[in-house]
Amino acid sequence: MRALAGGVIFGLLITLLPFSASAVEKDDTELEKTKYKIRVTLTEAKIAILRAKVMEYQARNNLKVPAQLEDLVPKDDPSLLDGWGKKFQYDPKGPRNEGASPDIWTETPDKKIIGNWTEEKK
């Protein structure tokens, strides 16, 4: 009887295993999507903070634009890194902001650009 019960349990486990693996894969996918969204939100917040620091710098320096982000914070400051740990890109001329303010941006691992300018409506 014990052997029969063990066989039945083993059979159930073999039958349910693909469903369990599928559920774990789905959970992993959802977890990765959530992590990605968190990294995007963190990156957007850091860009907003850096933009505010640029404005503060300009207010203290007769509207002069900082030459580099490191003029705003120490070079090892974590606010200079995006949600993936990459250094933000910076263009003091601000072509994407039509010269009104410097461009601050990064590129995500899937090649999407997150920046401090308004996207054009198509």
PDB file of N, CA and C in Angstrom:
ATOM      1  N   MET A   1       0.820  -1.193   0.000  1.00  0.00           N
ATOM      2  CA  MET A   1       0.000   0.000   0.000  1.00  0.00           C
ATOM      3  C   MET A   1       0.865   1.259   0.000  1.00  0.00           C
ATOM      4  N   ARG A   2       1.953   1.183   0.816  1.00  0.00           N
ATOM      5  CA  ARG A   2       2.853   2.320   0.886  1.00  0.00           C
ATOM      6  C   ARG A   2       3.484   2.601  -0.475  1.00  0.00           C
ATOM      7  N   ALA A   3       3.896   1.559  -1.173  1.00  0.00           N
ATOM      8  CA  ALA A   3       4.505   1.718  -2.484  1.00  0.00           C
ATOM      9  C   ALA A   3       3.508   2.338  -3.448  1.00  0.00           C
ATOM     10  N   LEU A   4       2.250   1.936  -3.356  1.00  0.00           N
ATOM     11  CA  LEU A   4       1.204   2.482  -4.210  1.00  0.00           C
ATOM     12  C   LEU A   4       1.009   3.963  -3.925  1.00  0.00           C
ATOM     13  N   ALA A   5       0.936   4.329  -2.630  1.00  0.00           N
ATOM     14  CA  ALA A   5       0.768   5.736  -2.256  1.00  0.00           C
ATOM     15  C   ALA A   5       1.956   6.565  -2.748  1.00  0.00           C
ATOM     16  N   GLY A   6       3.162   6.027  -2.573  1.00  0.00           N
ATOM     17  CA  GLY A   6       4.359   6.729  -3.049  1.00  0.00           C
ATOM     18  C   GLY A   6       4.326   6.920  -4.543  1.00  0.00           C
ATOM     19  N   GLY A   7       3.889   5.899  -5.249  1.00  0.00           N
ATOM     20  CA  GLY A   7       3.802   5.985  -6.704  1.00  0.00           C
ATOM     21  C   GLY A   7       2.778   7.019  -7.142  1.00  0.00           C
ATOM     22  N   VAL A   8       1.652   7.066  -6.438  1.00  0.00           N
ATOM     23  CA  VAL A   8       0.600   8.039  -6.765  1.00  0.00           C
ATOM     24  C   VAL A   8       1.128   9.454  -6.519  1.00  0.00           C
ATOM     25  N   ILE A   9       1.779   9.651  -5.383  1.00  0.00           N
ATOM     26  CA  ILE A   9       2.324  10.985  -5.067  1.00  0.00           C
ATOM     27  C   ILE A   9       3.376  11.372  -6.098  1.00  0.00           C
ATOM     28  N   PHE A  10       4.252  10.418  -6.433  1.00  0.00           N
ATOM     29  CA  PHE A  10       5.281  10.694  -7.432  1.00  0.00           C
ATOM     30  C   PHE A  10       4.619  11.051  -8.767  1.00  0.00           C
ATOM     31  N   GLY A  11       3.590  10.321  -9.114  1.00  0.00           N
ATOM     32  CA  GLY A  11       2.861  10.598 -10.362  1.00  0.00           C
ATOM     33  C   GLY A  11       2.246  11.987 -10.352  1.00  0.00           C
ATOM     34  N   LEU A  12       1.660  12.373  -9.223  1.00  0.00           N
ATOM     35  CA  LEU A  12       1.076  13.711  -9.111  1.00  0.00           C
ATOM     36  C   LEU A  12       2.154  14.790  -9.236  1.00  0.00           C
ATOM     37  N   LEU A  13       3.282  14.559  -8.598  1.00  0.00           N
ATOM     38  CA  LEU A  13       4.373  15.533  -8.671  1.00  0.00           C
ATOM     39  C   LEU A  13       4.863  15.715 -10.100  1.00  0.00           C
ATOM     40  N   ILE A  14       5.022  14.593 -10.803  1.00  0.00           N
ATOM     41  CA  ILE A  14       5.469  14.645 -12.198  1.00  0.00           C
ATOM     42  C   ILE A  14       4.434  15.387 -13.038  1.00  0.00           C
ATOM     43  N   THR A  15       3.150  15.157 -12.756  1.00  0.00           N
ATOM     44  CA  THR A  15       2.081  15.815 -13.503  1.00  0.00           C
ATOM     45  C   THR A  15       2.042  17.311 -13.201  1.00  0.00           C
ATOM     46  N   LEU A  16       2.247  17.703 -11.948  1.00  0.00           N
ATOM     47  CA  LEU A  16       2.128  19.100 -11.548  1.00  0.00           C
ATOM     48  C   LEU A  16       3.401  19.909 -11.788  1.00  0.00           C
ATOM     49  N   LEU A  17       4.531  19.259 -11.929  1.00  0.00           N
ATOM     50  CA  LEU A  17       5.799  19.957 -12.068  1.00  0.00           C
ATOM     51  C   LEU A  17       5.810  20.973 -13.215  1.00  0.00           C
ATOM     52  N   PRO A  18       5.328  20.632 -14.415  1.00  0.00           N
ATOM     53  CA  PRO A  18       5.338  21.634 -15.481  1.00  0.00           C
ATOM     54  C   PRO A  18       4.496  22.867 -15.134  1.00  0.00           C
ATOM     55  N   PHE A  19       3.386  22.671 -14.428  1.00  0.00           N
ATOM     56  CA  PHE A  19       2.544  23.807 -14.031  1.00  0.00           C
ATOM     57  C   PHE A  19       3.280  24.676 -13.022  1.00  0.00           C
ATOM     58  N   SER A  20       3.977  24.061 -12.090  1.00  0.00           N
ATOM     59  CA  SER A  20       4.736  24.808 -11.089  1.00  0.00           C
ATOM     60  C   SER A  20       5.850  25.601 -11.753  1.00  0.00           C
ATOM     61  N   ALA A  21       6.568  24.975 -12.662  1.00  0.00           N
ATOM     62  CA  ALA A  21       7.649  25.666 -13.359  1.00  0.00           C
ATOM     63  C   ALA A  21       7.092  26.835 -14.166  1.00  0.00           C
ATOM     64  N   SER A  22       5.946  26.628 -14.780  1.00  0.00           N
ATOM     65  CA  SER A  22       5.308  27.690 -15.550  1.00  0.00           C
ATOM     66  C   SER A  22       4.932  28.857 -14.646  1.00  0.00           C
ATOM     67  N   ALA A  23       4.404  28.559 -13.461  1.00  0.00           N
ATOM     68  CA  ALA A  23       4.029  29.609 -12.514  1.00  0.00           C
ATOM     69  C   ALA A  23       5.253  30.375 -12.037  1.00  0.00           C
ATOM     70  N   VAL A  24       6.350  29.677 -11.792  1.00  0.00           N
ATOM     71  CA  VAL A  24       7.586  30.328 -11.359  1.00  0.00           C
ATOM     72  C   VAL A  24       8.120  31.221 -12.466  1.00  0.00           C
ATOM     73  N   GLU A  25       8.094  30.724 -13.719  1.00  0.00           N
ATOM     74  CA  GLU A  25       8.554  31.535 -14.838  1.00  0.00           C
ATOM     75  C   GLU A  25       7.704  32.789 -14.971  1.00  0.00           C
ATOM     76  N   LYS A  26       6.396  32.640 -14.791  1.00  0.00           N
ATOM     77  CA  LYS A  26       5.502  33.792 -14.869  1.00  0.00           C
ATOM     78  C   LYS A  26       5.841  34.771 -13.752  1.00  0.00           C
ATOM     79  N   ASP A  27       6.075  34.261 -12.544  1.00  0.00           N
ATOM     80  CA  ASP A  27       6.443  35.117 -11.419  1.00  0.00           C
ATOM     81  C   ASP A  27       7.758  35.829 -11.695  1.00  0.00           C
ATOM     82  N   ASP A  28       8.738  35.112 -12.276  1.00  0.00           N
ATOM     83  CA  ASP A  28      10.023  35.719 -12.613  1.00  0.00           C
ATOM     84  C   ASP A  28       9.837  36.832 -13.636  1.00  0.00           C
ATOM     85  N   THR A  29       8.987  36.604 -14.627  1.00  0.00           N
ATOM     86  CA  THR A  29       8.731  37.610 -15.647  1.00  0.00           C
ATOM     87  C   THR A  29       8.088  38.840 -15.026  1.00  0.00           C
ATOM     88  N   GLU A  30       7.117  38.630 -14.170  1.00  0.00           N
ATOM     89  CA  GLU A  30       6.458  39.754 -13.493  1.00  0.00           C
ATOM     90  C   GLU A  30       7.437  40.491 -12.592  1.00  0.00           C
ATOM     91  N   LEU A  31       8.293  39.752 -11.920  1.00  0.00           N
ATOM     92  CA  LEU A  31       9.300  40.353 -11.058  1.00  0.00           C
ATOM     93  C   LEU A  31      10.253  41.218 -11.877  1.00  0.00           C
ATOM     94  N   GLU A  32      10.692  40.721 -13.023  1.00  0.00           N
ATOM     95  CA  GLU A  32      11.597  41.483 -13.884  1.00  0.00           C
ATOM     96  C   GLU A  32      10.913  42.744 -14.412  1.00  0.00           C
ATOM     97  N   LYS A  33       9.635  42.639 -14.769  1.00  0.00           N
ATOM     98  CA  LYS A  33       8.892  43.818 -15.233  1.00  0.00           C
ATOM     99  C   LYS A  33       8.795  44.856 -14.119  1.00  0.00           C
ATOM    100  N   THR A  34       8.542  44.399 -12.913  1.00  0.00           N
ATOM    101  CA  THR A  34       8.452  45.302 -11.767  1.00  0.00           C
ATOM    102  C   THR A  34       9.795  45.959 -11.494  1.00  0.00           C
ATOM    103  N   LYS A  35      10.870  45.188 -11.514  1.00  0.00           N
ATOM    104  CA  LYS A  35      12.211  45.747 -11.316  1.00  0.00           C
ATOM    105  C   LYS A  35      12.514  46.800 -12.377  1.00  0.00           C
ATOM    106  N   TYR A  36      12.152  46.517 -13.613  1.00  0.00           N
ATOM    107  CA  TYR A  36      12.382  47.459 -14.707  1.00  0.00           C
ATOM    108  C   TYR A  36      11.637  48.772 -14.445  1.00  0.00           C
ATOM    109  N   LYS A  37      10.359  48.669 -14.069  1.00  0.00           N
ATOM    110  CA  LYS A  37       9.559  49.866 -13.795  1.00  0.00           C
ATOM    111  C   LYS A  37      10.151  50.673 -12.654  1.00  0.00           C
ATOM    112  N   ILE A  38      10.631  49.991 -11.632  1.00  0.00           N
ATOM    113  CA  ILE A  38      11.261  50.679 -10.492  1.00  0.00           C
ATOM    114  C   ILE A  38      12.515  51.407 -10.958  1.00  0.00           C
ATOM    115  N   ARG A  39      13.317  50.761 -11.784  1.00  0.00           N
ATOM    116  CA  ARG A  39      14.542  51.395 -12.295  1.00  0.00           C
ATOM    117  C   ARG A  39      14.219  52.620 -13.156  1.00  0.00           C
ATOM    118  N   VAL A  40      13.173  52.530 -13.964  1.00  0.00           N
ATOM    119  CA  VAL A  40      12.758  53.671 -14.781  1.00  0.00           C
ATOM    120  C   VAL A  40      12.320  54.821 -13.882  1.00  0.00           C
ATOM    121  N   THR A  41      11.501  54.523 -12.883  1.00  0.00           N
ATOM    122  CA  THR A  41      11.019  55.558 -11.962  1.00  0.00           C
ATOM    123  C   THR A  41      12.175  56.201 -11.207  1.00  0.00           C
ATOM    124  N   LEU A  42      13.108  55.391 -10.725  1.00  0.00           N
ATOM    125  CA  LEU A  42      14.290  55.905 -10.039  1.00  0.00           C
ATOM    126  C   LEU A  42      15.104  56.801 -10.973  1.00  0.00           C
ATOM    127  N   THR A  43      15.282  56.380 -12.200  1.00  0.00           N
ATOM    128  CA  THR A  43      16.034  57.153 -13.186  1.00  0.00           C
ATOM    129  C   THR A  43      15.353  58.484 -13.463  1.00  0.00           C
ATOM    130  N   GLU A  44      14.044  58.467 -13.651  1.00  0.00           N
ATOM    131  CA  GLU A  44      13.302  59.712 -13.894  1.00  0.00           C
ATOM    132  C   GLU A  44      13.424  60.661 -12.704  1.00  0.00           C
ATOM    133  N   ALA A  45      13.354  60.121 -11.497  1.00  0.00           N
ATOM    134  CA  ALA A  45      13.481  60.957 -10.299  1.00  0.00           C
ATOM    135  C   ALA A  45      14.877  61.569 -10.207  1.00  0.00           C
ATOM    136  N   LYS A  46      15.901  60.780 -10.499  1.00  0.00           N
ATOM    137  CA  LYS A  46      17.268  61.295 -10.446  1.00  0.00           C
ATOM    138  C   LYS A  46      17.486  62.384 -11.498  1.00  0.00           C
ATOM    139  N   ILE A  47      16.922  62.207 -12.680  1.00  0.00           N
ATOM    140  CA  ILE A  47      17.034  63.233 -13.720  1.00  0.00           C
ATOM    141  C   ILE A  47      16.363  64.524 -13.248  1.00  0.00           C
ATOM    142  N   ALA A  48      15.199  64.400 -12.622  1.00  0.00           N
ATOM    143  CA  ALA A  48      14.497  65.585 -12.114  1.00  0.00           C
ATOM    144  C   ALA A  48      15.334  66.293 -11.039  1.00  0.00           C
ATOM    145  N   ILE A  49      15.975  65.527 -10.183  1.00  0.00           N
ATOM    146  CA  ILE A  49      16.835  66.108  -9.144  1.00  0.00           C
ATOM    147  C   ILE A  49      18.034  66.809  -9.784  1.00  0.00           C
ATOM    148  N   LEU A  50      18.664  66.158 -10.754  1.00  0.00           N
ATOM    149  CA  LEU A  50      19.805  66.783 -11.422  1.00  0.00           C
ATOM    150  C   LEU A  50      19.391  68.056 -12.161  1.00  0.00           C
ATOM    151  N   ARG A  51      18.227  68.014 -12.768  1.00  0.00           N
ATOM    152  CA  ARG A  51      17.733  69.221 -13.456  1.00  0.00           C
ATOM    153  C   ARG A  51      17.525  70.354 -12.456  1.00  0.00           C
ATOM    154  N   ALA A  52      16.976  70.039 -11.290  1.00  0.00           N
ATOM    155  CA  ALA A  52      16.793  71.056 -10.242  1.00  0.00           C
ATOM    156  C   ALA A  52      18.148  71.590  -9.769  1.00  0.00           C
ATOM    157  N   LYS A  53      19.137  70.715  -9.668  1.00  0.00           N
ATOM    158  CA  LYS A  53      20.482  71.140  -9.269  1.00  0.00           C
ATOM    159  C   LYS A  53      21.102  72.061 -10.329  1.00  0.00           C
ATOM    160  N   VAL A  54      20.830  71.788 -11.610  1.00  0.00           N
ATOM    161  CA  VAL A  54      21.298  72.666 -12.680  1.00  0.00           C
ATOM    162  C   VAL A  54      20.681  74.051 -12.508  1.00  0.00           C
ATOM    163  N   MET A  55      19.386  74.096 -12.251  1.00  0.00           N
ATOM    164  CA  MET A  55      18.697  75.376 -12.080  1.00  0.00           C
ATOM    165  C   MET A  55      19.246  76.130 -10.867  1.00  0.00           C
ATOM    166  N   GLU A  56      19.502  75.423  -9.799  1.00  0.00           N
ATOM    167  CA  GLU A  56      20.085  76.031  -8.602  1.00  0.00           C
ATOM    168  C   GLU A  56      21.477  76.593  -8.919  1.00  0.00           C
ATOM    169  N   TYR A  57      22.275  75.813  -9.640  1.00  0.00           N
ATOM    170  CA  TYR A  57      23.611  76.251 -10.055  1.00  0.00           C
ATOM    171  C   TYR A  57      23.507  77.535 -10.883  1.00  0.00           C
ATOM    172  N   GLN A  58      22.569  77.551 -11.819  1.00  0.00           N
ATOM    173  CA  GLN A  58      22.389  78.717 -12.669  1.00  0.00           C
ATOM    174  C   GLN A  58      21.985  79.945 -11.845  1.00  0.00           C
ATOM    175  N   ALA A  59      21.128  79.744 -10.872  1.00  0.00           N
ATOM    176  CA  ALA A  59      20.686  80.854 -10.025  1.00  0.00           C
ATOM    177  C   ALA A  59      21.856  81.456  -9.243  1.00  0.00           C
ATOM    178  N   ARG A  60      22.812  80.633  -8.858  1.00  0.00           N
ATOM    179  CA  ARG A  60      23.974  81.102  -8.088  1.00  0.00           C
ATOM    180  C   ARG A  60      25.108  81.606  -8.969  1.00  0.00           C
ATOM    181  N   ASN A  61      25.043  81.335 -10.276  1.00  0.00           N
ATOM    182  CA  ASN A  61      26.154  81.658 -11.172  1.00  0.00           C
ATOM    183  C   ASN A  61      25.718  82.483 -12.390  1.00  0.00           C
ATOM    184  N   ASN A  62      24.857  83.449 -12.173  1.00  0.00           N
ATOM    185  CA  ASN A  62      24.425  84.364 -13.249  1.00  0.00           C
ATOM    186  C   ASN A  62      23.960  83.633 -14.508  1.00  0.00           C
ATOM    187  N   LEU A  63      23.168  82.594 -14.314  1.00  0.00           N
ATOM    188  CA  LEU A  63      22.570  81.780 -15.380  1.00  0.00           C
ATOM    189  C   LEU A  63      23.571  80.954 -16.183  1.00  0.00           C
ATOM    190  N   LYS A  64      24.807  80.905 -15.719  1.00  0.00           N
ATOM    191  CA  LYS A  64      25.801  80.053 -16.367  1.00  0.00           C
ATOM    192  C   LYS A  64      25.407  78.593 -16.184  1.00  0.00           C
ATOM    193  N   VAL A  65      25.581  77.804 -17.238  1.00  0.00           N
ATOM    194  CA  VAL A  65      25.248  76.380 -17.215  1.00  0.00           C
ATOM    195  C   VAL A  65      26.490  75.599 -16.776  1.00  0.00           C
ATOM    196  N   PRO A  66      26.327  74.609 -15.890  1.00  0.00           N
ATOM    197  CA  PRO A  66      27.496  73.809 -15.518  1.00  0.00           C
ATOM    198  C   PRO A  66      28.054  73.057 -16.727  1.00  0.00           C
ATOM    199  N   ALA A  67      29.373  72.989 -16.813  1.00  0.00           N
ATOM    200  CA  ALA A  67      30.023  72.309 -17.931  1.00  0.00           C
ATOM    201  C   ALA A  67      29.815  70.802 -17.875  1.00  0.00           C
ATOM    202  N   GLN A  68      29.678  70.262 -16.666  1.00  0.00           N
ATOM    203  CA  GLN A  68      29.493  68.821 -16.479  1.00  0.00           C
ATOM    204  C   GLN A  68      28.668  68.587 -15.218  1.00  0.00           C
ATOM    205  N   LEU A  69      28.076  67.414 -15.124  1.00  0.00           N
ATOM    206  CA  LEU A  69      27.263  67.096 -13.949  1.00  0.00           C
ATOM    207  C   LEU A  69      28.098  67.067 -12.669  1.00  0.00           C
ATOM    208  N   GLU A  70      29.363  66.749 -12.800  1.00  0.00           N
ATOM    209  CA  GLU A  70      30.244  66.692 -11.637  1.00  0.00           C
ATOM    210  C   GLU A  70      30.466  68.080 -11.021  1.00  0.00           C
ATOM    211  N   ASP A  71      30.062  69.143 -11.726  1.00  0.00           N
ATOM    212  CA  ASP A  71      30.104  70.483 -11.148  1.00  0.00           C
ATOM    213  C   ASP A  71      28.984  70.672 -10.124  1.00  0.00           C
ATOM    214  N   LEU A  72      28.018  69.771 -10.137  1.00  0.00           N
ATOM    215  CA  LEU A  72      26.863  69.864  -9.254  1.00  0.00           C
ATOM    216  C   LEU A  72      27.013  69.019  -7.991  1.00  0.00           C
ATOM    217  N   VAL A  73      27.615  67.858  -8.146  1.00  0.00           N
ATOM    218  CA  VAL A  73      27.783  66.905  -7.036  1.00  0.00           C
ATOM    219  C   VAL A  73      29.147  66.236  -7.186  1.00  0.00           C
ATOM    220  N   PRO A  74      29.665  65.651  -6.116  1.00  0.00           N
ATOM    221  CA  PRO A  74      30.956  64.941  -6.242  1.00  0.00           C
ATOM    222  C   PRO A  74      30.875  63.838  -7.305  1.00  0.00           C
ATOM    223  N   LYS A  75      32.005  63.558  -7.947  1.00  0.00           N
ATOM    224  CA  LYS A  75      32.000  62.605  -9.064  1.00  0.00           C
ATOM    225  C   LYS A  75      31.599  61.189  -8.676  1.00  0.00           C
ATOM    226  N   ASP A  76      31.705  60.829  -7.396  1.00  0.00           N
ATOM    227  CA  ASP A  76      31.298  59.485  -6.965  1.00  0.00           C
ATOM    228  C   ASP A  76      29.900  59.470  -6.346  1.00  0.00           C
ATOM    229  N   ASP A  77      29.165  60.562  -6.496  1.00  0.00           N
ATOM    230  CA  ASP A  77      27.810  60.660  -5.944  1.00  0.00           C
ATOM    231  C   ASP A  77      26.873  59.721  -6.704  1.00  0.00           C
ATOM    232  N   PRO A  78      26.077  58.914  -5.997  1.00  0.00           N
ATOM    233  CA  PRO A  78      25.172  57.967  -6.668  1.00  0.00           C
ATOM    234  C   PRO A  78      24.076  58.636  -7.501  1.00  0.00           C
ATOM    235  N   SER A  79      23.834  59.922  -7.293  1.00  0.00           N
ATOM    236  CA  SER A  79      22.811  60.598  -8.097  1.00  0.00           C
ATOM    237  C   SER A  79      23.256  60.756  -9.558  1.00  0.00           C
ATOM    238  N   LEU A  80      24.532  60.505  -9.836  1.00  0.00           N
ATOM    239  CA  LEU A  80      25.031  60.583 -11.211  1.00  0.00           C
ATOM    240  C   LEU A  80      24.796  59.297 -11.994  1.00  0.00           C
ATOM    241  N   LEU A  81      24.257  58.278 -11.315  1.00  0.00           N
ATOM    242  CA  LEU A  81      24.032  56.972 -11.953  1.00  0.00           C
ATOM    243  C   LEU A  81      22.549  56.704 -12.139  1.00  0.00           C
ATOM    244  N   ASP A  82      22.203  56.146 -13.275  1.00  0.00           N
ATOM    245  CA  ASP A  82      20.810  55.791 -13.537  1.00  0.00           C
ATOM    246  C   ASP A  82      20.414  54.532 -12.759  1.00  0.00           C
ATOM    247  N   GLY A  83      19.215  54.063 -12.960  1.00  0.00           N
ATOM    248  CA  GLY A  83      18.703  52.895 -12.252  1.00  0.00           C
ATOM    249  C   GLY A  83      19.416  51.591 -12.570  1.00  0.00           C
ATOM    250  N   TRP A  84      20.268  51.603 -13.588  1.00  0.00           N
ATOM    251  CA  TRP A  84      21.039  50.415 -13.964  1.00  0.00           C
ATOM    252  C   TRP A  84      22.515  50.568 -13.588  1.00  0.00           C
ATOM    253  N   GLY A  85      22.838  51.681 -12.928  1.00  0.00           N
ATOM    254  CA  GLY A  85      24.205  51.908 -12.477  1.00  0.00           C
ATOM    255  C   GLY A  85      25.109  52.558 -13.515  1.00  0.00           C
ATOM    256  N   LYS A  86      24.532  53.041 -14.613  1.00  0.00           N
ATOM    257  CA  LYS A  86      25.314  53.725 -15.651  1.00  0.00           C
ATOM    258  C   LYS A  86      25.297  55.239 -15.397  1.00  0.00           C
ATOM    259  N   LYS A  87      26.389  55.886 -15.758  1.00  0.00           N
ATOM    260  CA  LYS A  87      26.497  57.332 -15.603  1.00  0.00           C
ATOM    261  C   LYS A  87      25.549  58.037 -16.579  1.00  0.00           C
ATOM    262  N   PHE A  88      24.861  59.097 -16.097  1.00  0.00           N
ATOM    263  CA  PHE A  88      23.996  59.881 -16.971  1.00  0.00           C
ATOM    264  C   PHE A  88      24.803  60.600 -18.032  1.00  0.00           C
ATOM    265  N   GLN A  89      24.199  60.772 -19.193  1.00  0.00           N
ATOM    266  CA  GLN A  89      24.771  61.566 -20.273  1.00  0.00           C
ATOM    267  C   GLN A  89      24.341  63.015 -20.053  1.00  0.00           C
ATOM    268  N   TYR A  90      25.163  63.953 -20.539  1.00  0.00           N
ATOM    269  CA  TYR A  90      24.892  65.366 -20.293  1.00  0.00           C
ATOM    270  C   TYR A  90      25.391  66.186 -21.468  1.00  0.00           C
ATOM    271  N   ASP A  91      24.541  67.095 -21.940  1.00  0.00           N
ATOM    272  CA  ASP A  91      24.946  68.036 -22.979  1.00  0.00           C
ATOM    273  C   ASP A  91      24.540  69.427 -22.505  1.00  0.00           C
ATOM    274  N   PRO A  92      25.515  70.250 -22.110  1.00  0.00           N
ATOM    275  CA  PRO A  92      25.192  71.574 -21.583  1.00  0.00           C
ATOM    276  C   PRO A  92      24.506  72.486 -22.601  1.00  0.00           C
ATOM    277  N   LYS A  93      24.660  72.198 -23.902  1.00  0.00           N
ATOM    278  CA  LYS A  93      24.018  73.025 -24.932  1.00  0.00           C
ATOM    279  C   LYS A  93      22.517  72.770 -25.011  1.00  0.00           C
ATOM    280  N   GLY A  94      22.073  71.607 -24.599  1.00  0.00           N
ATOM    281  CA  GLY A  94      20.649  71.290 -24.537  1.00  0.00           C
ATOM    282  C   GLY A  94      19.892  71.295 -25.844  1.00  0.00           C
ATOM    283  N   PRO A  95      20.387  70.630 -26.890  1.00  0.00           N
ATOM    284  CA  PRO A  95      19.656  70.645 -28.162  1.00  0.00           C
ATOM    285  C   PRO A  95      18.252  70.036 -28.087  1.00  0.00           C
ATOM    286  N   ARG A  96      18.065  69.033 -27.266  1.00  0.00           N
ATOM    287  CA  ARG A  96      16.723  68.421 -27.149  1.00  0.00           C
ATOM    288  C   ARG A  96      15.764  69.315 -26.365  1.00  0.00           C
ATOM    289  N   ASN A  97      16.325  70.224 -25.568  1.00  0.00           N
ATOM    290  CA  ASN A  97      15.524  71.203 -24.823  1.00  0.00           C
ATOM    291  C   ASN A  97      15.524  72.561 -25.527  1.00  0.00           C
ATOM    292  N   GLU A  98      15.853  72.537 -26.830  1.00  0.00           N
ATOM    293  CA  GLU A  98      15.905  73.738 -27.663  1.00  0.00           C
ATOM    294  C   GLU A  98      16.786  74.817 -27.041  1.00  0.00           C
ATOM    295  N   GLY A  99      17.853  74.393 -26.350  1.00  0.00           N
ATOM    296  CA  GLY A  99      18.797  75.318 -25.763  1.00  0.00           C
ATOM    297  C   GLY A  99      18.335  75.992 -24.478  1.00  0.00           C
ATOM    298  N   ALA A 100      17.106  75.690 -24.032  1.00  0.00           N
ATOM    299  CA  ALA A 100      16.572  76.327 -22.827  1.00  0.00           C
ATOM    300  C   ALA A 100      17.223  75.801 -21.555  1.00  0.00           C
ATOM    301  N   SER A 101      17.651  74.555 -21.569  1.00  0.00           N
ATOM    302  CA  SER A 101      18.339  73.953 -20.428  1.00  0.00           C
ATOM    303  C   SER A 101      19.171  72.776 -20.939  1.00  0.00           C
ATOM    304  N   PRO A 102      20.178  72.374 -20.174  1.00  0.00           N
ATOM    305  CA  PRO A 102      21.005  71.237 -20.603  1.00  0.00           C
ATOM    306  C   PRO A 102      20.191  69.951 -20.722  1.00  0.00           C
ATOM    307  N   ASP A 103      20.633  69.084 -21.613  1.00  0.00           N
ATOM    308  CA  ASP A 103      20.014  67.760 -21.760  1.00  0.00           C
ATOM    309  C   ASP A 103      20.680  66.797 -20.781  1.00  0.00           C
ATOM    310  N   ILE A 104      19.859  66.040 -20.071  1.00  0.00           N
ATOM    311  CA  ILE A 104      20.335  64.990 -19.169  1.00  0.00           C
ATOM    312  C   ILE A 104      19.550  63.741 -19.549  1.00  0.00           C
ATOM    313  N   TRP A 105      20.262  62.639 -19.831  1.00  0.00           N
ATOM    314  CA  TRP A 105      19.562  61.440 -20.282  1.00  0.00           C
ATOM    315  C   TRP A 105      20.381  60.185 -20.036  1.00  0.00           C
ATOM    316  N   THR A 106      19.709  59.062 -20.282  1.00  0.00           N
ATOM    317  CA  THR A 106      20.359  57.758 -20.255  1.00  0.00           C
ATOM    318  C   THR A 106      19.653  56.857 -21.248  1.00  0.00           C
ATOM    319  N   GLU A 107      20.280  55.735 -21.538  1.00  0.00           N
ATOM    320  CA  GLU A 107      19.693  54.731 -22.416  1.00  0.00           C
ATOM    321  C   GLU A 107      19.521  53.457 -21.607  1.00  0.00           C
ATOM    322  N   THR A 108      18.310  52.904 -21.619  1.00  0.00           N
ATOM    323  CA  THR A 108      18.025  51.685 -20.875  1.00  0.00           C
ATOM    324  C   THR A 108      18.664  50.486 -21.579  1.00  0.00           C
ATOM    325  N   PRO A 109      18.767  49.345 -20.918  1.00  0.00           N
ATOM    326  CA  PRO A 109      19.320  48.153 -21.571  1.00  0.00           C
ATOM    327  C   PRO A 109      18.578  47.762 -22.852  1.00  0.00           C
ATOM    328  N   ASP A 110      17.284  48.122 -22.939  1.00  0.00           N
ATOM    329  CA  ASP A 110      16.545  47.804 -24.165  1.00  0.00           C
ATOM    330  C   ASP A 110      16.488  48.993 -25.127  1.00  0.00           C
ATOM    331  N   LYS A 111      17.458  49.910 -24.968  1.00  0.00           N
ATOM    332  CA  LYS A 111      17.715  51.008 -25.902  1.00  0.00           C
ATOM    333  C   LYS A 111      16.663  52.115 -25.901  1.00  0.00           C
ATOM    334  N   LYS A 112      15.863  52.226 -24.850  1.00  0.00           N
ATOM    335  CA  LYS A 112      14.924  53.344 -24.724  1.00  0.00           C
ATOM    336  C   LYS A 112      15.659  54.507 -24.063  1.00  0.00           C
ATOM    337  N   ILE A 113      15.363  55.713 -24.535  1.00  0.00           N
ATOM    338  CA  ILE A 113      15.993  56.913 -23.999  1.00  0.00           C
ATOM    339  C   ILE A 113      15.070  57.522 -22.942  1.00  0.00           C
ATOM    340  N   ILE A 114      15.640  57.819 -21.781  1.00  0.00           N
ATOM    341  CA  ILE A 114      14.928  58.537 -20.729  1.00  0.00           C
ATOM    342  C   ILE A 114      15.686  59.846 -20.548  1.00  0.00           C
ATOM    343  N   GLY A 115      15.002  60.972 -20.777  1.00  0.00           N
ATOM    344  CA  GLY A 115      15.667  62.249 -20.690  1.00  0.00           C
ATOM    345  C   GLY A 115      14.790  63.325 -20.082  1.00  0.00           C
ATOM    346  N   ASN A 116      15.364  64.524 -19.937  1.00  0.00           N
ATOM    347  CA  ASN A 116      14.661  65.627 -19.298  1.00  0.00           C
ATOM    348  C   ASN A 116      13.995  66.567 -20.297  1.00  0.00           C
ATOM    349  N   TRP A 117      13.597  66.057 -21.422  1.00  0.00           N
ATOM    350  CA  TRP A 117      12.906  66.858 -22.418  1.00  0.00           C
ATOM    351  C   TRP A 117      11.561  66.226 -22.735  1.00  0.00           C
ATOM    352  N   THR A 118      10.700  67.021 -23.335  1.00  0.00           N
ATOM    353  CA  THR A 118       9.373  66.547 -23.723  1.00  0.00           C
ATOM    354  C   THR A 118       9.468  65.906 -25.090  1.00  0.00           C
ATOM    355  N   GLU A 119       8.938  64.709 -25.202  1.00  0.00           N
ATOM    356  CA  GLU A 119       8.950  64.006 -26.483  1.00  0.00           C
ATOM    357  C   GLU A 119       8.009  64.698 -27.448  1.00  0.00           C
ATOM    358  N   GLU A 120       8.411  64.717 -28.705  1.00  0.00           N
ATOM    359  CA  GLU A 120       7.559  65.306 -29.737  1.00  0.00           C
ATOM    360  C   GLU A 120       6.359  64.416 -29.981  1.00  0.00           C
ATOM    361  N   LYS A 121       5.205  65.063 -30.189  1.00  0.00           N
ATOM    362  CA  LYS A 121       3.981  64.324 -30.531  1.00  0.00           C
ATOM    363  C   LYS A 121       4.038  63.975 -32.013  1.00  0.00           C
ATOM    364  N   LYS A 122       3.722  62.719 -32.322  1.00  0.00           N
ATOM    365  CA  LYS A 122       3.739  62.286 -33.728  1.00  0.00           C
ATOM    366  C   LYS A 122       2.339  62.106 -34.234  1.00  0.00           C
TER     367      LYS A 122
END
